[in-house]
Amino acid sequence: MHPRVKFGVKLGLTREMATRLAGLRTPERIQDFVSAIRWNREADGPTALSVVEVLRQGRAHCIEGAFVAATALWLSGHPPLLIDLGAARGDVDHVMALFHRGGHWGAISKSNSPFLRYRDPIYRSLRELALSFFPQYVKRRRKTLRTYSVPVDLRRHDPALWVTHPGFCHELIDALTNARHFDILPAGGQSRLRPIDEIEARANTLHDFPK
């Protein structure tokens, strides 16, 4: 058994699942894999599916896709890091898997919108990376991105809580929510934000997986 597959099995994946993820040896290939997973509309209520459950059910939303991406990154030799983008009241946070290449940050992102997606590793800091999402992180025409977190290292959390957990991964949601966050807007900046243009708002109605 290949060492990467063996490590995946040690984390709790089946051999088939570990083989699938271990074959995704670059962030680009991991992004393609995560993007192809059917969008999880949470028809039966909120979910935070583990890696095993995402692969078994074939559906994921942002944090669930981030779990899968982080696991694949881990199997390929990268640390499994997540970042939480915090939204204003009335909108929802967005979680992504981080990777570092050549001294720069990139991100793997599962999103049903056209804008909150993959970021090439060209950002010198996590703030730069987070700011790249600001113009199109919107609710209708309102810009809602407010904070970004420090990297959350999944190696510090038992894989039983996020790789193989059969239910809602509460502990990891709490870890991301409680991680240190940094403000994006300067003092008083919220009141001076210009709404996005109507054409941008129309573009934001596009979806990978339409209803």
C-alpha atoms as a PDB file:
ATOM      1  CA  MET A   1       0.000   0.000   0.000  1.00  0.00           C
ATOM      2  CA  HIS A   2       1.357   3.439  -0.928  1.00  0.00           C
ATOM      3  CA  PRO A   3       2.429   5.478   2.140  1.00  0.00           C
ATOM      4  CA  ARG A   4      -0.071   8.247   1.303  1.00  0.00           C
ATOM      5  CA  VAL A   5      -2.903   5.748   1.062  1.00  0.00           C
ATOM      6  CA  LYS A   6      -1.735   4.072   4.255  1.00  0.00           C
ATOM      7  CA  PHE A   7      -1.771   7.422   6.035  1.00  0.00           C
ATOM      8  CA  GLY A   8      -5.296   8.115   4.780  1.00  0.00           C
ATOM      9  CA  VAL A   9      -6.465   4.758   6.113  1.00  0.00           C
ATOM     10  CA  LYS A  10      -4.812   5.620   9.440  1.00  0.00           C
ATOM     11  CA  LEU A  11      -6.911   8.804   9.531  1.00  0.00           C
ATOM     12  CA  GLY A  12     -10.031   6.657   9.192  1.00  0.00           C
ATOM     13  CA  LEU A  13     -10.710   6.722   5.451  1.00  0.00           C
ATOM     14  CA  THR A  14     -11.556   3.552   3.589  1.00  0.00           C
ATOM     15  CA  ARG A  15      -8.810   2.333   1.283  1.00  0.00           C
ATOM     16  CA  GLU A  16     -10.857   3.447  -1.731  1.00  0.00           C
ATOM     17  CA  MET A  17     -11.383   6.955  -0.294  1.00  0.00           C
ATOM     18  CA  ALA A  18      -7.736   7.259   0.704  1.00  0.00           C
ATOM     19  CA  THR A  19      -6.635   6.202  -2.777  1.00  0.00           C
ATOM     20  CA  ARG A  20      -8.905   8.803  -4.413  1.00  0.00           C
ATOM     21  CA  LEU A  21      -7.622  11.654  -2.248  1.00  0.00           C
ATOM     22  CA  ALA A  22      -3.987  10.546  -2.327  1.00  0.00           C
ATOM     23  CA  GLY A  23      -4.087  10.718  -6.124  1.00  0.00           C
ATOM     24  CA  LEU A  24      -4.799  14.456  -5.989  1.00  0.00           C
ATOM     25  CA  ARG A  25      -1.202  15.565  -5.680  1.00  0.00           C
ATOM     26  CA  THR A  26      -1.517  19.295  -6.372  1.00  0.00           C
ATOM     27  CA  PRO A  27      -3.811  22.049  -5.057  1.00  0.00           C
ATOM     28  CA  GLU A  28      -5.116  22.520  -8.590  1.00  0.00           C
ATOM     29  CA  ARG A  29      -6.221  18.897  -8.867  1.00  0.00           C
ATOM     30  CA  ILE A  30      -7.703  19.022  -5.382  1.00  0.00           C
ATOM     31  CA  GLN A  31      -9.727  22.091  -6.376  1.00  0.00           C
ATOM     32  CA  ASP A  32     -11.051  20.327  -9.475  1.00  0.00           C
ATOM     33  CA  PHE A  33     -12.117  17.368  -7.356  1.00  0.00           C
ATOM     34  CA  VAL A  34     -13.832  19.522  -4.729  1.00  0.00           C
ATOM     35  CA  SER A  35     -15.554  21.676  -7.349  1.00  0.00           C
ATOM     36  CA  ALA A  36     -17.094  18.600  -8.972  1.00  0.00           C
ATOM     37  CA  ILE A  37     -18.797  17.457  -5.750  1.00  0.00           C
ATOM     38  CA  ARG A  38     -22.525  18.151  -5.853  1.00  0.00           C
ATOM     39  CA  TRP A  39     -23.579  21.219  -3.837  1.00  0.00           C
ATOM     40  CA  ASN A  40     -25.088  20.355  -0.465  1.00  0.00           C
ATOM     41  CA  ARG A  41     -28.373  22.264  -0.163  1.00  0.00           C
ATOM     42  CA  GLU A  42     -28.994  20.957   3.362  1.00  0.00           C
ATOM     43  CA  ALA A  43     -32.529  19.948   2.395  1.00  0.00           C
ATOM     44  CA  ASP A  44     -33.080  18.198   5.738  1.00  0.00           C
ATOM     45  CA  GLY A  45     -31.481  20.899   7.897  1.00  0.00           C
ATOM     46  CA  PRO A  46     -27.980  22.281   8.602  1.00  0.00           C
ATOM     47  CA  THR A  47     -25.051  19.924   8.152  1.00  0.00           C
ATOM     48  CA  ALA A  48     -21.326  19.910   8.795  1.00  0.00           C
ATOM     49  CA  LEU A  49     -20.374  16.616   7.205  1.00  0.00           C
ATOM     50  CA  SER A  50     -17.063  14.893   7.850  1.00  0.00           C
ATOM     51  CA  VAL A  51     -14.745  13.851   5.032  1.00  0.00           C
ATOM     52  CA  VAL A  52     -16.046  10.293   5.047  1.00  0.00           C
ATOM     53  CA  GLU A  53     -19.657  11.473   4.910  1.00  0.00           C
ATOM     54  CA  VAL A  54     -18.968  13.923   2.062  1.00  0.00           C
ATOM     55  CA  LEU A  55     -17.360  11.179   0.004  1.00  0.00           C
ATOM     56  CA  ARG A  56     -20.074   8.694   0.891  1.00  0.00           C
ATOM     57  CA  GLN A  57     -23.004  11.060   0.190  1.00  0.00           C
ATOM     58  CA  GLY A  58     -21.387  12.915  -2.713  1.00  0.00           C
ATOM     59  CA  ARG A  59     -22.389  16.389  -1.554  1.00  0.00           C
ATOM     60  CA  ALA A  60     -20.692  19.306   0.204  1.00  0.00           C
ATOM     61  CA  HIS A  61     -20.942  22.987   1.029  1.00  0.00           C
ATOM     62  CA  CYS A  62     -18.001  25.250   1.871  1.00  0.00           C
ATOM     63  CA  ILE A  63     -16.702  23.870   5.184  1.00  0.00           C
ATOM     64  CA  GLU A  64     -17.378  20.306   4.087  1.00  0.00           C
ATOM     65  CA  GLY A  65     -15.418  20.855   0.889  1.00  0.00           C
ATOM     66  CA  ALA A  66     -12.673  22.475   2.969  1.00  0.00           C
ATOM     67  CA  PHE A  67     -12.425  19.340   5.145  1.00  0.00           C
ATOM     68  CA  VAL A  68     -11.952  17.213   2.021  1.00  0.00           C
ATOM     69  CA  ALA A  69      -9.425  19.625   0.514  1.00  0.00           C
ATOM     70  CA  ALA A  70      -7.440  19.840   3.765  1.00  0.00           C
ATOM     71  CA  THR A  71      -7.285  16.055   3.968  1.00  0.00           C
ATOM     72  CA  ALA A  72      -6.061  15.765   0.378  1.00  0.00           C
ATOM     73  CA  LEU A  73      -3.470  18.476   1.060  1.00  0.00           C
ATOM     74  CA  TRP A  74      -2.323  16.580   4.146  1.00  0.00           C
ATOM     75  CA  LEU A  75      -1.925  13.363   2.158  1.00  0.00           C
ATOM     76  CA  SER A  76       0.142  15.252  -0.428  1.00  0.00           C
ATOM     77  CA  GLY A  77       2.526  16.690   2.167  1.00  0.00           C
ATOM     78  CA  HIS A  78       0.918  20.043   2.994  1.00  0.00           C
ATOM     79  CA  PRO A  79      -0.366  20.932   6.468  1.00  0.00           C
ATOM     80  CA  PRO A  80      -4.189  20.743   6.701  1.00  0.00           C
ATOM     81  CA  LEU A  81      -5.042  24.385   7.350  1.00  0.00           C
ATOM     82  CA  LEU A  82      -8.420  26.124   7.241  1.00  0.00           C
ATOM     83  CA  ILE A  83      -9.319  29.818   7.295  1.00  0.00           C
ATOM     84  CA  ASP A  84     -12.661  31.341   8.262  1.00  0.00           C
ATOM     85  CA  LEU A  85     -13.914  34.473   6.515  1.00  0.00           C
ATOM     86  CA  GLY A  86     -16.363  36.185   8.839  1.00  0.00           C
ATOM     87  CA  ALA A  87     -19.440  37.902   7.435  1.00  0.00           C
ATOM     88  CA  ALA A  88     -21.649  40.722   8.695  1.00  0.00           C
ATOM     89  CA  ARG A  89     -24.936  39.909  10.365  1.00  0.00           C
ATOM     90  CA  GLY A  90     -27.414  38.610   7.811  1.00  0.00           C
ATOM     91  CA  ASP A  91     -24.815  36.741   5.772  1.00  0.00           C
ATOM     92  CA  VAL A  92     -22.822  33.547   6.414  1.00  0.00           C
ATOM     93  CA  ASP A  93     -19.132  32.835   6.965  1.00  0.00           C
ATOM     94  CA  HIS A  94     -17.028  31.101   4.331  1.00  0.00           C
ATOM     95  CA  VAL A  95     -14.383  28.458   5.118  1.00  0.00           C
ATOM     96  CA  MET A  96     -11.520  27.442   2.832  1.00  0.00           C
ATOM     97  CA  ALA A  97      -8.440  25.215   2.870  1.00  0.00           C
ATOM     98  CA  LEU A  98      -5.119  27.049   2.727  1.00  0.00           C
ATOM     99  CA  PHE A  99      -1.865  26.095   1.048  1.00  0.00           C
ATOM    100  CA  HIS A 100       1.542  27.769   0.841  1.00  0.00           C
ATOM    101  CA  ARG A 101       3.754  27.701  -2.241  1.00  0.00           C
ATOM    102  CA  GLY A 102       6.895  29.699  -2.904  1.00  0.00           C
ATOM    103  CA  GLY A 103       6.306  31.894   0.129  1.00  0.00           C
ATOM    104  CA  HIS A 104       2.780  32.844  -0.946  1.00  0.00           C
ATOM    105  CA  TRP A 105      -0.696  31.812   0.148  1.00  0.00           C
ATOM    106  CA  GLY A 106      -3.412  30.254  -1.981  1.00  0.00           C
ATOM    107  CA  ALA A 107      -6.796  28.757  -1.148  1.00  0.00           C
ATOM    108  CA  ILE A 108      -9.038  25.889  -2.206  1.00  0.00           C
ATOM    109  CA  SER A 109     -12.693  26.858  -1.971  1.00  0.00           C
ATOM    110  CA  LYS A 110     -16.018  25.071  -2.392  1.00  0.00           C
ATOM    111  CA  SER A 111     -18.676  27.597  -3.405  1.00  0.00           C
ATOM    112  CA  ASN A 112     -21.846  27.643  -5.442  1.00  0.00           C
ATOM    113  CA  SER A 113     -21.302  31.291  -6.382  1.00  0.00           C
ATOM    114  CA  PRO A 114     -19.012  32.489  -9.187  1.00  0.00           C
ATOM    115  CA  PHE A 115     -16.694  34.538  -6.970  1.00  0.00           C
ATOM    116  CA  LEU A 116     -15.817  32.818  -3.661  1.00  0.00           C
ATOM    117  CA  ARG A 117     -13.564  30.311  -5.360  1.00  0.00           C
ATOM    118  CA  TYR A 118      -9.970  29.100  -5.793  1.00  0.00           C
ATOM    119  CA  ARG A 119      -7.143  31.548  -5.221  1.00  0.00           C
ATOM    120  CA  ASP A 120      -3.761  31.096  -6.868  1.00  0.00           C
ATOM    121  CA  PRO A 121      -0.767  31.194  -4.490  1.00  0.00           C
ATOM    122  CA  ILE A 122       0.191  34.803  -5.164  1.00  0.00           C
ATOM    123  CA  TYR A 123      -0.743  36.445  -1.840  1.00  0.00           C
ATOM    124  CA  ARG A 124       2.028  37.470   0.535  1.00  0.00           C
ATOM    125  CA  SER A 125      -0.205  37.452   3.596  1.00  0.00           C
ATOM    126  CA  LEU A 126      -3.534  36.066   4.731  1.00  0.00           C
ATOM    127  CA  ARG A 127      -4.869  39.608   4.809  1.00  0.00           C
ATOM    128  CA  GLU A 128      -4.054  40.021   1.116  1.00  0.00           C
ATOM    129  CA  LEU A 129      -5.778  36.708   0.425  1.00  0.00           C
ATOM    130  CA  ALA A 130      -8.874  37.675   2.419  1.00  0.00           C
ATOM    131  CA  LEU A 131      -9.093  41.091   0.751  1.00  0.00           C
ATOM    132  CA  SER A 132      -9.224  39.431  -2.668  1.00  0.00           C
ATOM    133  CA  PHE A 133     -12.723  38.223  -1.718  1.00  0.00           C
ATOM    134  CA  PHE A 134     -13.998  41.559  -0.456  1.00  0.00           C
ATOM    135  CA  PRO A 135     -15.509  43.114  -3.627  1.00  0.00           C
ATOM    136  CA  GLN A 136     -17.749  40.134  -4.410  1.00  0.00           C
ATOM    137  CA  TYR A 137     -18.476  38.860  -0.894  1.00  0.00           C
ATOM    138  CA  VAL A 138     -22.002  40.216  -0.937  1.00  0.00           C
ATOM    139  CA  LYS A 139     -25.574  39.749   0.171  1.00  0.00           C
ATOM    140  CA  ARG A 140     -27.678  41.089  -2.697  1.00  0.00           C
ATOM    141  CA  ARG A 141     -25.744  44.362  -3.302  1.00  0.00           C
ATOM    142  CA  ARG A 142     -24.293  44.793   0.183  1.00  0.00           C
ATOM    143  CA  LYS A 143     -20.602  44.002   0.774  1.00  0.00           C
ATOM    144  CA  THR A 144     -20.508  41.793   3.858  1.00  0.00           C
ATOM    145  CA  LEU A 145     -16.973  40.472   4.434  1.00  0.00           C
ATOM    146  CA  ARG A 146     -15.772  41.712   7.840  1.00  0.00           C
ATOM    147  CA  THR A 147     -13.034  39.471   9.293  1.00  0.00           C
ATOM    148  CA  TYR A 148     -10.575  36.691   8.566  1.00  0.00           C
ATOM    149  CA  SER A 149      -9.114  34.166  10.983  1.00  0.00           C
ATOM    150  CA  VAL A 150      -5.695  32.832  11.788  1.00  0.00           C
ATOM    151  CA  PRO A 151      -5.044  29.446  10.161  1.00  0.00           C
ATOM    152  CA  VAL A 152      -6.769  26.617  11.997  1.00  0.00           C
ATOM    153  CA  ASP A 153      -4.471  23.582  11.917  1.00  0.00           C
ATOM    154  CA  LEU A 154      -6.545  20.397  11.735  1.00  0.00           C
ATOM    155  CA  ARG A 155      -3.597  18.329  12.987  1.00  0.00           C
ATOM    156  CA  ARG A 156      -4.498  19.688  16.429  1.00  0.00           C
ATOM    157  CA  HIS A 157      -7.953  18.115  16.249  1.00  0.00           C
ATOM    158  CA  ASP A 158      -8.757  14.430  16.497  1.00  0.00           C
ATOM    159  CA  PRO A 159      -9.605  13.056  13.009  1.00  0.00           C
ATOM    160  CA  ALA A 160     -12.578  11.372  14.664  1.00  0.00           C
ATOM    161  CA  LEU A 161     -14.092  14.866  14.957  1.00  0.00           C
ATOM    162  CA  TRP A 162     -13.845  15.825  11.285  1.00  0.00           C
ATOM    163  CA  VAL A 163     -12.583  12.938   9.104  1.00  0.00           C
ATOM    164  CA  THR A 164     -14.851  10.134  10.266  1.00  0.00           C
ATOM    165  CA  HIS A 165     -17.496  11.755  12.501  1.00  0.00           C
ATOM    166  CA  PRO A 166     -20.944  10.391  11.526  1.00  0.00           C
ATOM    167  CA  GLY A 167     -22.943  13.508  12.434  1.00  0.00           C
ATOM    168  CA  PHE A 168     -22.623  17.294  12.634  1.00  0.00           C
ATOM    169  CA  CYS A 169     -18.984  18.303  13.237  1.00  0.00           C
ATOM    170  CA  HIS A 170     -19.773  20.762  16.029  1.00  0.00           C
ATOM    171  CA  GLU A 171     -16.293  20.817  17.524  1.00  0.00           C
ATOM    172  CA  LEU A 172     -14.666  22.028  14.324  1.00  0.00           C
ATOM    173  CA  ILE A 173     -17.354  24.643  13.739  1.00  0.00           C
ATOM    174  CA  ASP A 174     -16.628  25.924  17.249  1.00  0.00           C
ATOM    175  CA  ALA A 175     -12.869  25.880  16.640  1.00  0.00           C
ATOM    176  CA  LEU A 176     -13.254  28.025  13.523  1.00  0.00           C
ATOM    177  CA  THR A 177     -15.746  30.381  15.148  1.00  0.00           C
ATOM    178  CA  ASN A 178     -13.557  30.834  18.230  1.00  0.00           C
ATOM    179  CA  ALA A 179     -10.263  31.242  16.360  1.00  0.00           C
ATOM    180  CA  ARG A 180      -8.697  34.667  16.522  1.00  0.00           C
ATOM    181  CA  HIS A 181     -10.144  36.923  13.827  1.00  0.00           C
ATOM    182  CA  PHE A 182      -8.842  40.193  12.400  1.00  0.00           C
ATOM    183  CA  ASP A 183     -10.997  43.091  11.225  1.00  0.00           C
ATOM    184  CA  ILE A 184     -10.920  43.967   7.541  1.00  0.00           C
ATOM    185  CA  LEU A 185     -12.653  47.342   7.619  1.00  0.00           C
ATOM    186  CA  PRO A 186     -11.021  50.435   9.118  1.00  0.00           C
ATOM    187  CA  ALA A 187     -12.854  52.204  11.937  1.00  0.00           C
ATOM    188  CA  GLY A 188     -16.071  53.692  10.583  1.00  0.00           C
ATOM    189  CA  GLY A 189     -15.569  52.082   7.194  1.00  0.00           C
ATOM    190  CA  GLN A 190     -18.805  50.127   7.160  1.00  0.00           C
ATOM    191  CA  SER A 191     -21.010  53.198   6.762  1.00  0.00           C
ATOM    192  CA  ARG A 192     -19.104  54.320   3.666  1.00  0.00           C
ATOM    193  CA  LEU A 193     -19.192  51.092   1.666  1.00  0.00           C
ATOM    194  CA  ARG A 194     -20.637  51.500  -1.811  1.00  0.00           C
ATOM    195  CA  PRO A 195     -23.097  48.808  -2.937  1.00  0.00           C
ATOM    196  CA  ILE A 196     -21.944  46.696  -5.844  1.00  0.00           C
ATOM    197  CA  ASP A 197     -23.253  47.616  -9.302  1.00  0.00           C
ATOM    198  CA  GLU A 198     -26.395  45.995 -10.621  1.00  0.00           C
ATOM    199  CA  ILE A 199     -24.459  44.050 -13.262  1.00  0.00           C
ATOM    200  CA  GLU A 200     -22.273  42.558 -10.499  1.00  0.00           C
ATOM    201  CA  ALA A 201     -25.378  41.608  -8.544  1.00  0.00           C
ATOM    202  CA  ARG A 202     -26.790  39.841 -11.605  1.00  0.00           C
ATOM    203  CA  ALA A 203     -23.516  37.976 -12.122  1.00  0.00           C
ATOM    204  CA  ASN A 204     -23.691  36.791  -8.525  1.00  0.00           C
ATOM    205  CA  THR A 205     -26.938  34.940  -9.257  1.00  0.00           C
ATOM    206  CA  LEU A 206     -24.999  32.400 -11.359  1.00  0.00           C
ATOM    207  CA  HIS A 207     -24.530  29.016  -9.706  1.00  0.00           C
ATOM    208  CA  ASP A 208     -22.517  25.874 -10.408  1.00  0.00           C
ATOM    209  CA  PHE A 209     -25.416  23.765  -9.190  1.00  0.00           C
ATOM    210  CA  PRO A 210     -28.711  25.581  -9.958  1.00  0.00           C
ATOM    211  CA  LYS A 211     -31.753  24.888  -7.846  1.00  0.00           C
END
